[in-house]
């Protein structure tokens, strides 16, 4: 019965099993019975059973129903409670959307986005919602006088749900999801799974800032039941720690195993030759940004600039933290970088040589096709050997901040981060005894290096002068320039993914 004090709570017996089904929000139309998984719809004071919902799969998320916290809305700290969850699956992986109950009886959404979190609320578009195919990935459009860029236009489907829900797309039926992002970090999503399409707007949030209570405790996350199966290629045992993992590699034969369709006889694999040995072992803990991160995945990627035939390579380590999600540690000949997918998108016109993000200007350094050539470990998106994207890498005037744009089918992802010194990386993983292996081209300038005297400087200048004479002689004798700067594509920096 309805609560006469608040008129926000309604409870009725499930038409499937008789267990109580509760609605806290007036916006909740649907609910999933926690006992028999019946999907029910509220019609006045009567619940009607309309089917059965697939059970949600446990994943790496620390969130769960009943968890509560506070969120700054319109300058005020507003409490909320998680009362429902929908799990979606798209071409780039799967994700959760949690329904958050607010004191005024309305619902907001706490989404898990690229290992980060985004808090959104329903909002009008200010005009008729265009057809999904009108939003081309990479284009810019204005909403209420504010510029957004289209970051995503892909097909997704509802795979499971629990708790109470304001809307419900048909289970397993594909629909279009469009996301627009602004340069100040705002996200605007259009869900075409219902009629009319649902619109949400919001910003990225850090879980620590939400002051949440009732999260999964550390023990329950650590002791999650791991999936075990035999490799479809060599038969060796394979253990998967995170239930959200979409692909992994066999520890014996290094084959890539596709888990996006579940564990069973339908599993596909791809054999990998010429294995690459990660310098930082899977499972190792490194401390960055005051938190401890675990290496859960590694991939080697290759790149080539348009019209060129010289390939360059770099490594990417996928790091995981229970509350902060995922970040990437990138190892290239230019040095080390710590990056994460951005929630917002810089103001950028396709093909431009510069862009601006969070008040900082960035200049284009490289544009190239990137291809995944070797992977090991677990990944929260389906990794395929030979997977390609088109990347554009930008750098701030200081050379410390980096920005990368990756374009794949149906999605454009931006990643942002900073270059870090090799000493920092070695210290983070307690591998200072192997510091020489971490050194890259990010060493200090020669003249500012400690302990260099005048005699050394003069000697260096003489050597440089002799080299210039030799290069000049070679150039004049060949009739054309045979020299290529090592700062071109050879130092290619990558964002390290950016998959939903």
Protein backbone atom coordinates (compact mmCIF):
# COMPACT_ATOMS: atom_id res chain seq x y z
CA UNK A 1 0.00 0.00 0.00
CA UNK A 2 1.06 3.58 -0.50
CA UNK A 3 2.83 5.35 2.37
CA UNK A 4 0.48 8.14 3.48
CA UNK A 5 3.37 10.18 4.87
CA UNK A 6 5.40 10.48 1.71
CA UNK A 7 3.22 9.04 -1.07
CA UNK A 8 6.51 7.71 -2.49
CA UNK A 9 6.47 4.09 -1.41
CA UNK A 10 4.15 1.46 -2.83
CA UNK A 11 4.23 -2.27 -2.20
CA UNK A 12 2.15 -5.08 -3.67
CA UNK A 13 2.46 -8.86 -3.98
CA UNK A 14 4.26 -10.19 -7.04
CA UNK A 15 1.72 -11.80 -9.41
CA UNK A 16 4.29 -14.50 -10.10
CA UNK A 17 5.23 -15.73 -6.60
CA UNK A 18 3.39 -13.52 -4.09
CA UNK A 19 6.52 -11.96 -2.63
CA UNK A 20 6.36 -8.21 -1.91
CA UNK A 21 7.51 -5.91 -4.71
CA UNK A 22 8.24 -2.34 -3.64
CA UNK A 23 8.18 0.92 -5.60
CA UNK A 24 9.87 3.87 -3.90
CA UNK A 25 9.64 6.37 -6.75
CA UNK A 26 6.53 7.62 -8.48
CA UNK A 27 8.55 7.56 -11.70
CA UNK A 28 9.10 3.80 -11.44
CA UNK A 29 6.71 1.95 -13.72
CA UNK A 30 8.47 -1.41 -13.86
CA UNK A 31 10.12 -3.62 -11.28
CA UNK A 32 11.84 -6.99 -11.19
CA UNK A 33 10.78 -9.32 -8.37
CA UNK A 34 13.88 -10.15 -6.33
CA UNK A 35 12.63 -13.69 -5.69
CA UNK A 36 11.27 -15.09 -8.96
CA UNK A 37 12.70 -12.54 -11.44
CA UNK A 38 9.23 -11.75 -12.79
CA UNK A 39 9.07 -8.44 -14.64
CA UNK A 40 6.02 -6.55 -13.41
CA UNK A 41 4.37 -3.31 -14.49
CA UNK A 42 2.41 -1.09 -12.13
CA UNK A 43 -1.14 -0.24 -13.21
CA UNK A 44 -2.70 1.83 -10.45
CA UNK A 45 -2.60 -0.37 -7.35
CA UNK A 46 -2.32 -3.60 -9.36
CA UNK A 47 0.86 -5.31 -10.55
CA UNK A 48 0.78 -7.20 -13.83
CA UNK A 49 3.39 -9.78 -14.79
CA UNK A 50 4.71 -9.17 -18.30
CA UNK A 51 7.53 -11.72 -18.45
CA UNK A 52 10.66 -12.92 -16.72
CA UNK A 53 13.92 -11.01 -16.55
CA UNK A 54 17.35 -12.57 -16.95
CA UNK A 55 19.40 -12.42 -13.77
CA UNK A 56 22.10 -9.76 -13.67
CA UNK A 57 25.67 -10.97 -13.67
CA UNK A 58 27.96 -9.90 -10.83
CA UNK A 59 30.85 -7.81 -12.04
CA UNK A 60 33.74 -5.69 -10.83
CA UNK A 61 31.40 -2.87 -9.77
CA UNK A 62 31.46 -1.92 -6.07
CA UNK A 63 27.84 -0.68 -6.38
CA UNK A 64 24.79 -2.64 -5.29
CA UNK A 65 21.10 -2.06 -4.62
CA UNK A 66 20.47 -0.22 -1.36
CA UNK A 67 23.77 1.68 -1.47
CA UNK A 68 23.30 5.38 -0.68
CA UNK A 69 25.23 8.61 -0.91
CA UNK A 70 25.01 12.33 -1.60
CA UNK A 71 25.27 14.20 -4.87
CA UNK A 72 25.72 17.97 -5.42
CA UNK A 73 22.68 19.17 -7.38
CA UNK A 74 22.05 22.89 -7.97
CA UNK A 75 24.60 23.79 -5.30
CA UNK A 76 23.06 21.53 -2.64
CA UNK A 77 24.13 18.16 -1.28
CA UNK A 78 21.23 15.85 -2.14
CA UNK A 79 20.94 12.30 -0.74
CA UNK A 80 20.13 9.35 -3.02
CA UNK A 81 19.70 5.59 -2.86
CA UNK A 82 20.28 3.00 -5.59
CA UNK A 83 16.98 1.18 -6.21
CA UNK A 84 17.39 -0.39 -9.64
CA UNK A 85 19.93 -1.51 -12.21
CA UNK A 86 19.85 -2.22 -15.94
CA UNK A 87 22.68 -4.00 -17.72
CA UNK A 88 23.27 -3.24 -21.40
CA UNK A 89 25.49 -4.81 -23.99
CA UNK A 90 26.82 -3.12 -27.12
CA UNK A 91 29.45 -3.65 -29.77
CA UNK A 92 32.16 -2.20 -27.50
CA UNK A 93 31.24 -4.18 -24.36
CA UNK A 94 28.70 -4.05 -21.53
CA UNK A 95 27.85 -1.48 -18.88
CA UNK A 96 25.50 -0.77 -15.95
CA UNK A 97 23.00 2.01 -15.39
CA UNK A 98 21.85 2.37 -11.78
CA UNK A 99 18.58 4.12 -10.87
CA UNK A 100 19.09 6.55 -7.98
CA UNK A 101 16.06 7.56 -5.90
CA UNK A 102 16.05 11.25 -4.85
CA UNK A 103 14.13 12.86 -1.94
CA UNK A 104 11.60 14.53 -4.26
CA UNK A 105 10.55 11.12 -5.55
CA UNK A 106 12.33 11.45 -8.89
CA UNK A 107 15.00 9.14 -10.30
CA UNK A 108 18.47 9.96 -11.56
CA UNK A 109 20.98 7.62 -13.21
CA UNK A 110 24.46 6.64 -12.05
CA UNK A 111 26.18 5.06 -15.05
CA UNK A 112 29.51 3.29 -15.28
CA UNK A 113 31.32 4.84 -18.22
CA UNK A 114 34.70 3.48 -19.36
CA UNK A 115 35.46 2.47 -15.80
CA UNK A 116 34.38 5.92 -14.57
CA UNK A 117 31.02 7.09 -13.22
CA UNK A 118 28.54 9.59 -14.67
CA UNK A 119 25.56 11.04 -12.79
CA UNK A 120 22.70 12.12 -15.08
CA UNK A 121 19.08 13.26 -14.80
CA UNK A 122 16.25 13.40 -17.29
CA UNK A 123 16.20 16.63 -19.28
CA UNK A 124 14.39 18.05 -22.32
CA UNK A 125 16.30 18.43 -25.56
CA UNK A 126 14.61 21.76 -26.31
CA UNK A 127 13.50 20.57 -29.75
CA UNK A 128 12.15 17.49 -31.44
CA UNK A 129 14.48 14.53 -31.09
CA UNK A 130 16.09 13.85 -34.49
CA UNK A 131 16.24 10.34 -35.92
CA UNK A 132 19.26 8.40 -34.69
CA UNK A 133 20.88 8.28 -38.14
CA UNK A 134 21.04 12.08 -38.18
CA UNK A 135 23.81 11.93 -35.57
CA UNK A 136 27.04 11.08 -37.36
CA UNK A 137 29.97 10.21 -35.10
CA UNK A 138 32.43 13.12 -34.94
CA UNK A 139 29.95 15.82 -36.00
CA UNK A 140 29.15 18.82 -33.80
CA UNK A 141 25.70 20.09 -32.94
CA UNK A 142 24.22 22.73 -30.66
CA UNK A 143 21.78 21.90 -27.85
CA UNK A 144 20.28 24.91 -26.11
CA UNK A 145 23.06 27.09 -27.51
CA UNK A 146 25.78 24.78 -26.20
CA UNK A 147 28.13 22.90 -28.54
CA UNK A 148 28.36 19.12 -28.30
CA UNK A 149 30.16 16.55 -30.39
CA UNK A 150 28.68 13.15 -31.21
CA UNK A 151 30.88 10.54 -29.52
CA UNK A 152 28.74 7.42 -29.87
CA UNK A 153 26.10 6.03 -32.19
CA UNK A 154 25.82 2.29 -31.72
CA UNK A 155 23.43 -0.60 -31.26
CA UNK A 156 22.87 -1.94 -27.75
CA UNK A 157 20.40 -4.25 -26.03
CA UNK A 158 19.08 -4.79 -22.52
CA UNK A 159 20.47 -8.08 -21.16
CA UNK A 160 19.32 -7.99 -17.51
CA UNK A 161 17.76 -5.80 -14.84
CA UNK A 162 16.87 -5.75 -11.16
CA UNK A 163 14.94 -3.50 -8.80
CA UNK A 164 12.65 -0.72 -9.98
CA UNK A 165 12.90 0.96 -13.35
CA UNK A 166 11.30 4.06 -14.92
CA UNK A 167 11.48 2.54 -18.40
CA UNK A 168 12.17 -0.84 -19.90
CA UNK A 169 13.50 -1.62 -23.36
CA UNK A 170 12.50 -5.02 -24.81
CA UNK A 171 14.87 -7.67 -23.45
CA UNK A 172 17.56 -8.61 -25.97
CA UNK A 173 16.15 -6.39 -28.73
CA UNK A 174 18.74 -4.03 -30.28
CA UNK A 175 18.14 -0.30 -30.14
CA UNK A 176 20.26 2.78 -30.82
CA UNK A 177 22.17 4.73 -28.18
CA UNK A 178 23.56 8.17 -29.08
CA UNK A 179 25.91 10.12 -26.82
CA UNK A 180 26.96 13.72 -27.16
CA UNK A 181 29.75 15.29 -25.12
CA UNK A 182 30.82 18.88 -24.49
CA UNK A 183 34.25 20.33 -23.84
CA UNK A 184 33.41 21.02 -20.18
CA UNK A 185 32.68 17.36 -19.48
CA UNK A 186 28.90 17.28 -19.86
CA UNK A 187 27.30 14.11 -21.24
CA UNK A 188 23.99 14.07 -23.09
CA UNK A 189 22.62 10.63 -23.94
CA UNK A 190 19.64 9.73 -26.12
CA UNK A 191 18.15 6.28 -25.59
CA UNK A 192 16.03 5.16 -28.56
CA UNK A 193 14.92 1.99 -26.77
CA UNK A 194 11.59 3.55 -25.78
CA UNK A 195 9.05 5.84 -27.45
CA UNK A 196 9.60 8.72 -27.17
CA UNK A 197 13.41 8.49 -26.77
CA UNK A 198 14.72 9.13 -23.27
CA UNK A 199 17.19 11.98 -22.74
CA UNK A 200 19.66 12.28 -19.86
CA UNK A 201 22.22 14.98 -19.07
CA UNK A 202 24.98 14.99 -16.48
CA UNK A 203 28.66 14.99 -15.54
CA UNK A 204 31.38 12.60 -14.45
CA UNK A 205 31.75 11.97 -10.73
CA UNK A 206 34.26 10.21 -8.52
CA UNK A 207 32.85 7.50 -6.31
CA UNK A 208 34.80 8.85 -3.32
CA UNK A 209 33.08 12.24 -3.72
CA UNK A 210 29.61 10.69 -3.40
CA UNK A 211 30.18 9.67 0.25
CA UNK A 212 28.55 6.33 -0.43
CA UNK A 213 27.55 3.77 2.17
CA UNK A 214 26.48 0.19 1.63
CA UNK A 215 28.96 -0.61 -1.15
CA UNK A 216 30.19 -4.15 -1.65
CA UNK A 217 32.81 -4.72 1.00
CA UNK A 218 36.39 -5.50 0.04
CA UNK A 219 36.07 -9.15 1.00
CA UNK A 220 33.08 -9.79 -1.23
CA UNK A 221 34.81 -8.22 -4.19
CA UNK A 222 38.05 -10.06 -3.55
CA UNK A 223 36.33 -13.42 -3.10
CA UNK A 224 34.10 -13.21 -6.17
CA UNK A 225 33.63 -16.61 -7.75
CA UNK A 226 35.99 -16.84 -10.66
CA UNK A 227 34.91 -18.49 -13.89
CA UNK A 228 36.96 -21.49 -14.88
CA UNK A 229 36.96 -23.37 -18.16
CA UNK A 230 39.30 -25.14 -20.53
CA UNK A 231 40.95 -23.22 -23.36
CA UNK A 232 39.15 -24.04 -26.63
CA UNK A 233 42.53 -24.13 -28.40
CA UNK A 234 44.89 -26.15 -26.17
CA UNK A 235 42.63 -27.41 -23.37
CA UNK A 236 44.62 -25.81 -20.57
CA UNK A 237 42.65 -24.46 -17.57
CA UNK A 238 41.74 -20.75 -17.75
CA UNK A 239 40.52 -18.69 -14.79
CA UNK A 240 38.74 -15.34 -15.22
CA UNK A 241 38.70 -13.14 -12.11
CA UNK A 242 36.27 -10.40 -13.20
CA UNK A 243 32.77 -11.44 -14.30
CA UNK A 244 32.58 -8.37 -16.53
CA UNK A 245 35.54 -9.56 -18.62
CA UNK A 246 34.67 -9.68 -22.31
CA UNK A 247 37.91 -11.27 -23.52
CA UNK A 248 41.00 -12.83 -22.00
CA UNK A 249 44.05 -14.84 -22.99
CA UNK A 250 45.02 -18.42 -22.23
CA UNK A 251 48.00 -18.47 -19.83
CA UNK A 252 49.35 -21.54 -21.64
CA UNK A 253 49.06 -20.99 -25.41
CA UNK A 254 48.36 -17.19 -25.27
CA UNK A 255 45.29 -17.51 -27.53
CA UNK A 256 42.76 -14.67 -27.29
CA UNK A 257 39.43 -16.07 -26.03
CA UNK A 258 36.18 -14.25 -26.79
CA UNK A 259 33.83 -14.40 -23.77
CA UNK A 260 31.22 -11.95 -25.05
CA UNK A 261 28.81 -14.83 -25.79
CA UNK A 262 29.42 -16.58 -22.47
CA UNK A 263 31.44 -19.58 -21.41
CA UNK A 264 30.75 -22.77 -23.34
CA UNK A 265 31.30 -24.64 -26.56
CA UNK A 266 30.60 -21.54 -28.62
CA UNK A 267 33.73 -19.79 -27.38
CA UNK A 268 35.94 -18.49 -30.13
CA UNK A 269 39.69 -18.11 -29.96
CA UNK A 270 42.47 -16.57 -32.01
CA UNK A 271 45.99 -17.96 -31.82
CA UNK A 272 48.83 -15.49 -31.29
CA UNK A 273 52.33 -15.91 -32.65
CA UNK A 274 55.47 -13.98 -31.71
CA UNK A 275 54.50 -13.35 -28.07
CA UNK A 276 55.48 -10.06 -26.46
CA UNK A 277 56.65 -10.23 -22.86
CA UNK A 278 55.23 -7.40 -20.69
CA UNK A 279 57.92 -5.66 -18.68
CA UNK A 280 55.42 -5.22 -15.82
CA UNK A 281 53.83 -8.56 -14.93
CA UNK A 282 50.08 -9.07 -14.77
CA UNK A 283 48.79 -8.88 -11.21
CA UNK A 284 51.51 -6.50 -10.05
CA UNK A 285 50.38 -3.56 -7.92
CA UNK A 286 51.47 0.01 -8.69
CA UNK A 287 50.68 3.19 -6.77
CA UNK A 288 49.51 6.24 -8.74
CA UNK A 289 47.43 9.25 -7.71
CA UNK A 290 47.54 8.08 -4.10
CA UNK A 291 45.82 4.76 -4.91
CA UNK A 292 46.95 1.20 -5.56
CA UNK A 293 46.23 -0.12 -9.04
CA UNK A 294 46.54 -3.69 -10.29
CA UNK A 295 47.76 -4.63 -13.77
CA UNK A 296 44.96 -6.76 -15.26
CA UNK A 297 45.66 -6.50 -18.99
CA UNK A 298 48.41 -5.74 -21.50
CA UNK A 299 48.33 -5.09 -25.22
CA UNK A 300 50.97 -4.28 -27.82
CA UNK A 301 49.78 -1.99 -30.59
CA UNK A 302 51.27 -0.96 -33.92
CA UNK A 303 50.72 2.22 -35.92
CA UNK A 304 51.38 3.55 -39.39
CA UNK A 305 50.85 7.03 -40.79
CA UNK A 306 48.76 7.47 -43.97
CA UNK A 307 50.92 7.06 -47.07
CA UNK A 308 53.81 5.61 -45.06
CA UNK A 309 55.07 2.03 -44.87
CA UNK A 310 57.09 2.33 -41.65
CA UNK A 311 55.31 0.88 -38.62
CA UNK A 312 55.97 1.85 -35.00
CA UNK A 313 54.84 0.16 -31.80
CA UNK A 314 53.98 0.83 -28.16
CA UNK A 315 52.63 -0.99 -25.10
CA UNK A 316 49.53 -0.34 -23.01
CA UNK A 317 48.90 -1.68 -19.50
CA UNK A 318 45.30 -1.77 -18.27
CA UNK A 319 45.22 -0.89 -14.54
CA UNK A 320 42.24 -1.52 -12.26
CA UNK A 321 41.12 0.04 -8.97
CA UNK A 322 37.95 -1.10 -7.22
CA UNK A 323 36.46 2.38 -6.74
CA UNK A 324 38.19 4.38 -9.48
CA UNK A 325 37.73 1.95 -12.35
CA UNK A 326 40.36 1.65 -15.08
CA UNK A 327 43.27 3.73 -16.33
CA UNK A 328 45.99 3.05 -18.90
CA UNK A 329 49.74 3.18 -18.45
CA UNK A 330 51.23 3.76 -21.90
CA UNK A 331 54.84 2.91 -22.76
CA UNK A 332 56.16 4.45 -25.98
CA UNK A 333 59.56 5.61 -27.18
CA UNK A 334 58.53 9.16 -26.23
CA UNK A 335 58.20 8.05 -22.61
CA UNK A 336 55.55 6.91 -20.16
CA UNK A 337 52.03 8.34 -19.89
CA UNK A 338 49.16 7.77 -17.49
CA UNK A 339 45.86 8.36 -19.26
CA UNK A 340 42.12 7.71 -18.93
CA UNK A 341 39.15 8.16 -21.27
CA UNK A 342 37.57 11.59 -20.84
CA UNK A 343 33.91 12.13 -20.06
CA UNK A 344 33.76 15.29 -22.14
CA UNK A 345 35.06 15.96 -25.63
CA UNK A 346 37.31 18.85 -26.73
CA UNK A 347 36.11 21.40 -29.25
CA UNK A 348 37.46 19.90 -32.42
CA UNK A 349 36.80 19.90 -36.15
CA UNK A 350 37.75 16.73 -37.99
CA UNK A 351 41.18 17.14 -39.61
CA UNK A 352 42.14 20.21 -37.57
CA UNK A 353 45.74 20.63 -36.37
CA UNK A 354 44.81 21.92 -32.92
CA UNK A 355 42.15 21.58 -30.25
CA UNK A 356 41.33 22.94 -26.81
CA UNK A 357 40.37 21.02 -23.71
CA UNK A 358 39.70 22.33 -20.18
CA UNK A 359 41.28 25.65 -21.08
CA UNK A 360 44.52 24.19 -22.47
CA UNK A 361 45.52 24.33 -26.14
CA UNK A 362 46.85 21.18 -27.80
CA UNK A 363 48.70 20.83 -31.09
CA UNK A 364 48.49 17.80 -33.37
CA UNK A 365 51.57 15.58 -33.24
CA UNK A 366 50.62 12.43 -35.16
CA UNK A 367 47.71 10.93 -37.09
CA UNK A 368 47.86 7.22 -37.87
CA UNK A 369 46.05 3.92 -38.13
CA UNK A 370 46.49 1.82 -34.98
CA UNK A 371 46.20 -1.95 -34.81
CA UNK A 372 46.24 -4.36 -31.86
CA UNK A 373 48.93 -6.98 -32.48
CA UNK A 374 49.22 -8.85 -29.18
CA UNK A 375 47.22 -9.02 -25.93
CA UNK A 376 47.41 -10.84 -22.61
CA UNK A 377 45.21 -10.67 -19.51
CA UNK A 378 41.61 -9.52 -19.05
CA UNK A 379 39.77 -6.62 -20.69
CA UNK A 380 36.40 -5.00 -20.10
CA UNK A 381 35.74 -4.74 -23.84
CA UNK A 382 36.00 -7.44 -26.52
CA UNK A 383 39.61 -7.40 -27.72
CA UNK A 384 40.28 -8.75 -31.19
CA UNK A 385 43.73 -9.19 -32.67
CA UNK A 386 43.90 -6.98 -35.73
CA UNK A 387 41.37 -4.54 -34.23
CA UNK A 388 41.97 -1.11 -35.77
CA UNK A 389 41.21 2.49 -34.93
CA UNK A 390 42.28 5.80 -36.45
CA UNK A 391 44.15 7.90 -33.91
CA UNK A 392 45.14 11.54 -33.65
CA UNK A 393 47.52 12.51 -30.85
CA UNK A 394 47.84 16.04 -29.46
CA UNK A 395 50.26 17.63 -27.02
CA UNK A 396 50.21 20.76 -24.87
CA UNK A 397 52.88 23.44 -25.33
CA UNK A 398 54.62 22.25 -22.16
CA UNK A 399 54.87 18.73 -23.58
CA UNK A 400 53.53 17.24 -20.34
CA UNK A 401 49.79 16.98 -21.05
CA UNK A 402 48.63 14.64 -23.81
CA UNK A 403 45.29 14.20 -25.56
CA UNK A 404 44.32 11.40 -27.94
CA UNK A 405 41.36 10.87 -30.24
CA UNK A 406 40.44 7.32 -31.31
CA UNK A 407 37.78 6.66 -33.90
CA UNK A 408 36.26 3.24 -34.49
CA UNK A 409 32.97 2.04 -35.92
CA UNK A 410 30.18 3.94 -34.20
CA UNK A 411 32.36 5.63 -31.61
CA UNK A 412 34.87 8.42 -31.06
CA UNK A 413 36.72 8.38 -27.75
CA UNK A 414 39.03 11.01 -26.29
CA UNK A 415 41.62 10.20 -23.65
CA UNK A 416 43.60 12.66 -21.57
CA UNK A 417 46.63 12.31 -19.34
CA UNK A 418 50.16 13.36 -18.54
CA UNK A 419 53.62 12.12 -19.27
CA UNK A 420 55.38 10.74 -16.23
CA UNK A 421 59.07 10.12 -15.62
CA UNK A 422 60.47 6.61 -15.82
CA UNK A 423 61.63 6.89 -12.21
CA UNK A 424 58.02 7.46 -11.10
CA UNK A 425 56.85 4.33 -12.91
CA UNK A 426 59.67 2.18 -11.51
CA UNK A 427 59.01 3.46 -7.99
CA UNK A 428 55.26 2.90 -8.33
CA UNK A 429 55.78 -0.81 -9.02
CA UNK A 430 58.77 -1.15 -6.63
CA UNK A 431 61.04 -2.05 -9.55
CA UNK A 432 63.80 0.50 -9.05
CA UNK A 433 66.35 -2.30 -9.41
CA UNK A 434 65.29 -2.43 -13.08
CA UNK A 435 65.21 1.34 -13.60
CA UNK A 436 67.44 1.19 -16.69
CA UNK A 437 64.75 -0.84 -18.50
CA UNK A 438 62.18 1.90 -17.84
CA UNK A 439 64.26 4.71 -19.33
CA UNK A 440 62.87 6.20 -22.55
CA UNK A 441 63.37 9.43 -24.53
CA UNK A 442 61.94 11.47 -21.66
CA UNK A 443 65.36 12.07 -20.07
CA UNK A 444 66.24 15.58 -18.94
CA UNK A 445 67.80 17.96 -21.51
CA UNK A 446 71.53 17.52 -21.82
CA UNK A 447 72.47 21.02 -20.61
CA UNK A 448 70.29 20.76 -17.51
CA UNK A 449 71.46 17.31 -16.49
CA UNK A 450 73.13 17.11 -13.10
CA UNK A 451 76.90 16.92 -13.00
CA UNK A 452 77.69 18.06 -16.58
CA UNK A 453 80.68 20.36 -16.77
CA UNK A 454 81.90 22.87 -19.38
CA UNK A 455 84.33 20.40 -20.92
CA UNK A 456 81.51 17.89 -21.49
CA UNK A 457 79.32 20.59 -23.05
CA UNK A 458 82.12 21.63 -25.46
CA UNK A 459 82.71 18.00 -26.45
CA UNK A 460 79.01 17.49 -27.13
CA UNK A 461 78.86 20.63 -29.28
CA UNK A 462 81.87 19.44 -31.33
CA UNK A 463 80.24 16.05 -31.91
CA UNK A 464 76.98 17.71 -33.00
CA UNK A 465 78.91 19.98 -35.40
CA UNK A 466 80.67 16.98 -37.00
CA UNK A 467 77.36 15.11 -37.38
CA UNK A 468 75.76 18.13 -39.08
CA UNK A 469 78.65 18.30 -41.57
CA UNK A 470 78.24 14.59 -42.38
CA UNK A 471 74.47 14.93 -42.83
CA UNK A 472 74.95 17.95 -45.07
CA UNK A 473 77.44 16.02 -47.22
CA UNK A 474 75.09 13.02 -47.51
CA UNK A 475 72.16 15.22 -48.46
CA UNK A 476 74.00 17.13 -51.17
CA UNK A 477 75.47 13.99 -52.69
CA UNK A 478 72.13 12.14 -52.85
CA UNK A 479 70.24 14.94 -54.57
CA UNK A 480 67.41 14.80 -51.98
CA UNK A 481 66.71 14.51 -48.29
CA UNK A 482 67.35 11.05 -46.97
CA UNK A 483 66.88 12.01 -43.33
CA UNK A 484 63.79 11.40 -41.27
CA UNK A 485 63.30 12.80 -37.77
CA UNK A 486 62.89 10.23 -35.04
CA UNK A 487 60.25 12.47 -33.54
CA UNK A 488 57.71 11.61 -36.23
CA UNK A 489 55.59 8.52 -35.94
CA UNK A 490 58.28 6.69 -34.01
CA UNK A 491 57.19 8.25 -30.76
CA UNK A 492 53.52 7.52 -31.29
CA UNK A 493 51.43 8.07 -28.17
CA UNK A 494 48.11 6.33 -27.75
CA UNK A 495 45.20 6.92 -25.46
CA UNK A 496 45.09 3.31 -24.43
CA UNK A 497 41.61 2.34 -25.54
CA UNK A 498 38.60 4.26 -24.41
CA UNK A 499 35.99 1.55 -24.85
CA UNK A 500 32.62 1.63 -23.24
